[in-house]
PDB file of N, CA and C in Angstrom:
ATOM      1  N   GLU A   1      -7.176  -2.037   4.002  1.00  0.00           N
ATOM      2  CA  GLU A   1      -5.558  -2.463   3.834  1.00  0.00           C
ATOM      3  C   GLU A   1      -4.916  -2.128   2.719  1.00  0.00           C
ATOM      4  N   ILE A   2      -3.944  -1.508   2.153  1.00  0.00           N
ATOM      5  CA  ILE A   2      -3.188  -1.269   1.445  1.00  0.00           C
ATOM      6  C   ILE A   2      -2.083  -1.947   1.196  1.00  0.00           C
ATOM      7  N   GLN A   3      -1.449  -2.757   0.093  1.00  0.00           N
ATOM      8  CA  GLN A   3      -0.346  -3.588   0.192  1.00  0.00           C
ATOM      9  C   GLN A   3       0.446  -2.664  -1.255  1.00  0.00           C
ATOM     10  N   ILE A   4       1.670  -2.475  -0.481  1.00  0.00           N
ATOM     11  CA  ILE A   4       2.710  -1.633  -1.416  1.00  0.00           C
ATOM     12  C   ILE A   4       3.548  -2.612  -1.781  1.00  0.00           C
ATOM     13  N   MET A   5       3.964  -2.790  -3.056  1.00  0.00           N
ATOM     14  CA  MET A   5       4.966  -3.883  -3.918  1.00  0.00           C
ATOM     15  C   MET A   5       6.038  -2.799  -4.684  1.00  0.00           C
ATOM     16  N   ASN A   6       7.038  -3.408  -4.843  1.00  0.00           N
ATOM     17  CA  ASN A   6       7.476  -2.670  -6.047  1.00  0.00           C
ATOM     18  C   ASN A   6       7.298  -3.377  -7.243  1.00  0.00           C
ATOM     19  N   LEU A   7       8.200  -3.088  -8.311  1.00  0.00           N
ATOM     20  CA  LEU A   7       7.642  -3.620  -9.750  1.00  0.00           C
ATOM     21  C   LEU A   7       7.669  -4.967  -9.847  1.00  0.00           C
ATOM     22  N   ASP A   8       8.677  -5.719  -9.191  1.00  0.00           N
ATOM     23  CA  ASP A   8       8.827  -7.143  -9.352  1.00  0.00           C
ATOM     24  C   ASP A   8       7.570  -7.756  -8.523  1.00  0.00           C
ATOM     25  N   GLY A   9       6.309  -7.196  -7.850  1.00  0.00           N
ATOM     26  CA  GLY A   9       5.959  -7.612  -7.029  1.00  0.00           C
ATOM     27  C   GLY A   9       6.061  -8.227  -5.625  1.00  0.00           C
ATOM     28  N   GLU A  10       7.296  -7.618  -5.091  1.00  0.00           N
ATOM     29  CA  GLU A  10       7.398  -7.796  -3.787  1.00  0.00           C
ATOM     30  C   GLU A  10       7.010  -6.848  -2.902  1.00  0.00           C
ATOM     31  N   LEU A  11       6.342  -7.803  -1.767  1.00  0.00           N
ATOM     32  CA  LEU A  11       5.681  -6.901  -0.851  1.00  0.00           C
ATOM     33  C   LEU A  11       6.537  -6.257   0.151  1.00  0.00           C
ATOM     34  N   LEU A  12       6.507  -4.717   0.491  1.00  0.00           N
ATOM     35  CA  LEU A  12       7.108  -4.138   1.127  1.00  0.00           C
ATOM     36  C   LEU A  12       6.476  -3.395   2.104  1.00  0.00           C
ATOM     37  N   LYS A  13       5.156  -3.171   1.969  1.00  0.00           N
ATOM     38  CA  LYS A  13       4.552  -2.565   3.228  1.00  0.00           C
ATOM     39  C   LYS A  13       3.099  -2.921   3.497  1.00  0.00           C
ATOM     40  N   ILE A  14       2.362  -2.914   4.339  1.00  0.00           N
ATOM     41  CA  ILE A  14       0.737  -3.401   4.596  1.00  0.00           C
ATOM     42  C   ILE A  14       0.673  -1.909   5.562  1.00  0.00           C
ATOM     43  N   LEU A  15      -0.451  -1.168   4.749  1.00  0.00           N
ATOM     44  CA  LEU A  15      -0.740   0.077   5.583  1.00  0.00           C
ATOM     45  C   LEU A  15      -2.353  -0.683   6.150  1.00  0.00           C
ATOM     46  N   THR A  16      -2.808  -0.446   7.314  1.00  0.00           N
ATOM     47  CA  THR A  16      -4.186  -0.852   7.632  1.00  0.00           C
ATOM     48  C   THR A  16      -4.921   0.698   8.032  1.00  0.00           C
ATOM     49  N   GLU A  17      -6.067   0.545   7.797  1.00  0.00           N
ATOM     50  CA  GLU A  17      -6.762   1.859   8.308  1.00  0.00           C
ATOM     51  C   GLU A  17      -7.611   1.451   9.688  1.00  0.00           C
ATOM     52  N   ILE A  18      -7.179   2.077  10.743  1.00  0.00           N
ATOM     53  CA  ILE A  18      -7.515   1.357  11.908  1.00  0.00           C
ATOM     54  C   ILE A  18      -8.566   2.414  12.652  1.00  0.00           C
ATOM     55  N   ASP A  19      -8.949   3.695  12.303  1.00  0.00           N
ATOM     56  CA  ASP A  19      -9.453   4.682  13.276  1.00  0.00           C
ATOM     57  C   ASP A  19     -11.049   5.012  12.549  1.00  0.00           C
ATOM     58  N   GLY A  20     -11.575   4.108  11.617  1.00  0.00           N
ATOM     59  CA  GLY A  20     -12.687   4.226  10.878  1.00  0.00           C
ATOM     60  C   GLY A  20     -12.962   5.533  10.115  1.00  0.00           C
ATOM     61  N   ASN A  21     -11.822   6.262   9.514  1.00  0.00           N
ATOM     62  CA  ASN A  21     -12.164   7.656   8.534  1.00  0.00           C
ATOM     63  C   ASN A  21     -11.712   7.196   7.197  1.00  0.00           C
ATOM     64  N   GLY A  22     -11.380   5.864   7.034  1.00  0.00           N
ATOM     65  CA  GLY A  22     -11.062   5.526   5.642  1.00  0.00           C
ATOM     66  C   GLY A  22     -10.025   5.860   4.790  1.00  0.00           C
ATOM     67  N   GLY A  23      -8.967   6.519   5.654  1.00  0.00           N
ATOM     68  CA  GLY A  23      -7.811   6.937   5.407  1.00  0.00           C
ATOM     69  C   GLY A  23      -6.612   6.259   6.222  1.00  0.00           C
ATOM     70  N   VAL A  24      -5.572   6.487   5.689  1.00  0.00           N
ATOM     71  CA  VAL A  24      -4.349   5.639   6.083  1.00  0.00           C
ATOM     72  C   VAL A  24      -2.883   6.796   5.989  1.00  0.00           C
ATOM     73  N   GLU A  25      -2.064   6.794   6.837  1.00  0.00           N
ATOM     74  CA  GLU A  25      -0.863   7.862   6.878  1.00  0.00           C
ATOM     75  C   GLU A  25      -0.026   6.979   6.714  1.00  0.00           C
ATOM     76  N   TRP A  26       1.356   7.013   5.856  1.00  0.00           N
ATOM     77  CA  TRP A  26       2.469   6.625   5.613  1.00  0.00           C
ATOM     78  C   TRP A  26       3.649   7.313   5.459  1.00  0.00           C
ATOM     79  N   ASP A  27       4.379   7.021   6.034  1.00  0.00           N
ATOM     80  CA  ASP A  27       6.007   7.528   6.308  1.00  0.00           C
ATOM     81  C   ASP A  27       7.169   7.258   5.038  1.00  0.00           C
ATOM     82  N   GLY A  28       6.551   6.664   4.209  1.00  0.00           N
ATOM     83  CA  GLY A  28       7.127   6.129   3.039  1.00  0.00           C
ATOM     84  C   GLY A  28       8.135   5.116   2.947  1.00  0.00           C
ATOM     85  N   THR A  29       8.276   4.503   4.026  1.00  0.00           N
ATOM     86  CA  THR A  29       9.226   3.222   4.590  1.00  0.00           C
ATOM     87  C   THR A  29       8.333   2.113   4.000  1.00  0.00           C
ATOM     88  N   ASP A  30       9.486   0.814   3.958  1.00  0.00           N
ATOM     89  CA  ASP A  30       9.003  -0.180   4.150  1.00  0.00           C
ATOM     90  C   ASP A  30       8.767  -0.974   5.349  1.00  0.00           C
ATOM     91  N   SER A  31       8.430  -2.215   5.501  1.00  0.00           N
ATOM     92  CA  SER A  31       8.306  -2.847   6.755  1.00  0.00           C
ATOM     93  C   SER A  31       9.563  -3.237   7.692  1.00  0.00           C
ATOM     94  N   LYS A  32      10.655  -2.621   7.104  1.00  0.00           N
ATOM     95  CA  LYS A  32      11.776  -2.712   7.848  1.00  0.00           C
ATOM     96  C   LYS A  32      12.448  -1.174   8.200  1.00  0.00           C
ATOM     97  N   GLY A  33      11.484  -0.345   8.213  1.00  0.00           N
ATOM     98  CA  GLY A  33      11.578   0.711   8.254  1.00  0.00           C
ATOM     99  C   GLY A  33      12.677   1.705   7.577  1.00  0.00           C
ATOM    100  N   ASN A  34      13.035   1.072   6.306  1.00  0.00           N
ATOM    101  CA  ASN A  34      13.995   1.762   5.452  1.00  0.00           C
ATOM    102  C   ASN A  34      13.029   2.454   4.245  1.00  0.00           C
ATOM    103  N   GLU A  35      13.436   3.895   4.114  1.00  0.00           N
ATOM    104  CA  GLU A  35      12.761   4.735   3.359  1.00  0.00           C
ATOM    105  C   GLU A  35      13.129   4.309   1.981  1.00  0.00           C
ATOM    106  N   LEU A  36      11.874   4.460   1.151  1.00  0.00           N
ATOM    107  CA  LEU A  36      11.661   3.987  -0.128  1.00  0.00           C
ATOM    108  C   LEU A  36      12.316   4.690  -1.122  1.00  0.00           C
ATOM    109  N   GLY A  37      13.075   4.696  -2.070  1.00  0.00           N
ATOM    110  CA  GLY A  37      13.828   5.555  -2.731  1.00  0.00           C
ATOM    111  C   GLY A  37      12.826   5.974  -3.818  1.00  0.00           C
ATOM    112  N   THR A  38      13.469   7.103  -4.819  1.00  0.00           N
ATOM    113  CA  THR A  38      12.912   7.581  -5.953  1.00  0.00           C
ATOM    114  C   THR A  38      12.647   6.029  -7.009  1.00  0.00           C
ATOM    115  N   GLY A  39      11.064   6.061  -7.377  1.00  0.00           N
ATOM    116  CA  GLY A  39      10.867   5.032  -8.245  1.00  0.00           C
ATOM    117  C   GLY A  39       9.552   4.748  -8.292  1.00  0.00           C
ATOM    118  N   ILE A  40       9.167   3.856  -9.219  1.00  0.00           N
ATOM    119  CA  ILE A  40       7.687   3.551  -9.331  1.00  0.00           C
ATOM    120  C   ILE A  40       7.348   2.093  -8.630  1.00  0.00           C
ATOM    121  N   TYR A  41       6.052   2.222  -7.797  1.00  0.00           N
ATOM    122  CA  TYR A  41       5.495   1.265  -6.828  1.00  0.00           C
ATOM    123  C   TYR A  41       4.391   0.796  -7.407  1.00  0.00           C
ATOM    124  N   ILE A  42       3.645  -0.288  -6.992  1.00  0.00           N
ATOM    125  CA  ILE A  42       2.512  -0.336  -7.358  1.00  0.00           C
ATOM    126  C   ILE A  42       1.851  -0.847  -5.852  1.00  0.00           C
ATOM    127  N   PHE A  43       0.430  -0.718  -5.807  1.00  0.00           N
ATOM    128  CA  PHE A  43      -0.361  -0.978  -4.809  1.00  0.00           C
ATOM    129  C   PHE A  43      -1.490  -1.565  -5.031  1.00  0.00           C
ATOM    130  N   LYS A  44      -2.250  -2.068  -3.934  1.00  0.00           N
ATOM    131  CA  LYS A  44      -3.543  -2.475  -4.149  1.00  0.00           C
ATOM    132  C   LYS A  44      -4.188  -2.402  -2.960  1.00  0.00           C
ATOM    133  N   VAL A  45      -5.726  -2.452  -3.285  1.00  0.00           N
ATOM    134  CA  VAL A  45      -6.268  -2.120  -1.920  1.00  0.00           C
ATOM    135  C   VAL A  45      -7.175  -3.239  -1.797  1.00  0.00           C
ATOM    136  N   ILE A  46      -7.543  -3.482  -0.393  1.00  0.00           N
ATOM    137  CA  ILE A  46      -8.136  -4.670  -0.025  1.00  0.00           C
ATOM    138  C   ILE A  46      -9.066  -4.509   0.825  1.00  0.00           C
ATOM    139  N   GLY A  47     -10.566  -4.800   0.895  1.00  0.00           N
ATOM    140  CA  GLY A  47     -11.224  -4.232   1.833  1.00  0.00           C
ATOM    141  C   GLY A  47     -12.298  -5.313   1.758  1.00  0.00           C
ATOM    142  N   LYS A  48     -13.304  -5.048   2.673  1.00  0.00           N
ATOM    143  CA  LYS A  48     -14.507  -5.839   2.697  1.00  0.00           C
ATOM    144  C   LYS A  48     -15.777  -5.123   2.837  1.00  0.00           C
ATOM    145  N   ILE A  49     -16.522  -5.641   2.078  1.00  0.00           N
ATOM    146  CA  ILE A  49     -18.204  -5.212   1.571  1.00  0.00           C
ATOM    147  C   ILE A  49     -19.290  -6.392   1.957  1.00  0.00           C
ATOM    148  N   ASN A  50     -19.909  -6.226   2.774  1.00  0.00           N
ATOM    149  CA  ASN A  50     -20.894  -7.336   3.234  1.00  0.00           C
ATOM    150  C   ASN A  50     -20.277  -8.507   3.444  1.00  0.00           C
ATOM    151  N   ASN A  51     -18.957  -8.397   4.461  1.00  0.00           N
ATOM    152  CA  ASN A  51     -18.200  -9.894   4.994  1.00  0.00           C
ATOM    153  C   ASN A  51     -17.459 -10.299   3.569  1.00  0.00           C
ATOM    154  N   GLN A  52     -17.394  -9.604   2.544  1.00  0.00           N
ATOM    155  CA  GLN A  52     -16.592 -10.563   1.509  1.00  0.00           C
ATOM    156  C   GLN A  52     -15.658  -9.498   1.373  1.00  0.00           C
ATOM    157  N   GLU A  53     -14.494 -10.070   0.840  1.00  0.00           N
ATOM    158  CA  GLU A  53     -13.085  -9.717   0.933  1.00  0.00           C
ATOM    159  C   GLU A  53     -13.262  -9.019  -0.802  1.00  0.00           C
ATOM    160  N   ILE A  54     -12.767  -7.942  -1.021  1.00  0.00           N
ATOM    161  CA  ILE A  54     -12.661  -7.396  -2.240  1.00  0.00           C
ATOM    162  C   ILE A  54     -11.221  -6.568  -2.667  1.00  0.00           C
ATOM    163  N   GLU A  55     -10.660  -6.940  -3.673  1.00  0.00           N
ATOM    164  CA  GLU A  55      -9.476  -6.391  -3.959  1.00  0.00           C
ATOM    165  C   GLU A  55      -9.409  -5.367  -5.111  1.00  0.00           C
ATOM    166  N   SER A  56      -8.604  -4.486  -5.163  1.00  0.00           N
ATOM    167  CA  SER A  56      -8.517  -3.572  -6.345  1.00  0.00           C
ATOM    168  C   SER A  56      -7.913  -3.895  -7.410  1.00  0.00           C
ATOM    169  N   ASP A  57      -7.896  -3.476  -8.564  1.00  0.00           N
ATOM    170  CA  ASP A  57      -6.764  -3.619  -9.495  1.00  0.00           C
ATOM    171  C   ASP A  57      -5.360  -3.103  -8.849  1.00  0.00           C
ATOM    172  N   LEU A  58      -4.461  -3.948  -9.449  1.00  0.00           N
ATOM    173  CA  LEU A  58      -3.131  -2.998  -9.226  1.00  0.00           C
ATOM    174  C   LEU A  58      -2.767  -1.668  -9.847  1.00  0.00           C
ATOM    175  N   LYS A  59      -2.275  -0.659  -9.013  1.00  0.00           N
ATOM    176  CA  LYS A  59      -2.143   0.810  -9.813  1.00  0.00           C
ATOM    177  C   LYS A  59      -0.853   1.157  -9.413  1.00  0.00           C
ATOM    178  N   LYS A  60      -0.187   2.065 -10.134  1.00  0.00           N
ATOM    179  CA  LYS A  60       0.940   2.467  -9.909  1.00  0.00           C
ATOM    180  C   LYS A  60       1.272   4.035  -9.241  1.00  0.00           C
ATOM    181  N   PHE A  61       2.427   3.928  -8.444  1.00  0.00           N
ATOM    182  CA  PHE A  61       2.653   5.607  -8.100  1.00  0.00           C
ATOM    183  C   PHE A  61       3.959   5.616  -8.093  1.00  0.00           C
ATOM    184  N   ALA A  62       4.306   6.710  -7.882  1.00  0.00           N
ATOM    185  CA  ALA A  62       5.584   7.465  -8.217  1.00  0.00           C
ATOM    186  C   ALA A  62       6.336   7.751  -6.796  1.00  0.00           C
ATOM    187  N   ILE A  63       7.412   7.715  -6.573  1.00  0.00           N
ATOM    188  CA  ILE A  63       8.216   8.526  -5.608  1.00  0.00           C
ATOM    189  C   ILE A  63       9.036   9.331  -5.963  1.00  0.00           C
ATOM    190  N   ILE A  64       8.920  10.319  -5.752  1.00  0.00           N
ATOM    191  CA  ILE A  64      10.215  11.467  -6.329  1.00  0.00           C
ATOM    192  C   ILE A  64      10.687  12.106  -5.053  1.00  0.00           C
ATOM    193  N   ARG A  65      12.150  11.926  -4.970  1.00  0.00           N
ATOM    194  CA  ARG A  65      12.515  12.770  -3.816  1.00  0.00           C
ATOM    195  C   ARG A  65      13.740  13.622  -4.642  1.00  0.00           C
TER     196      ARG A  65
END
């Protein structure tokens, strides 16, 4: 699972890996279908190892349109 947030920490979208290949595709929209604008966003990855939930550190990325 990948959680995408704005810089205020508001959750915008959750992406879930479903086909077992380790990747996800994202169309750049929030959970309401609105296209995210140019800006800096943050994300974290949540997964499981040996049935224990593991969270990554927060990371930043940019959308440039």
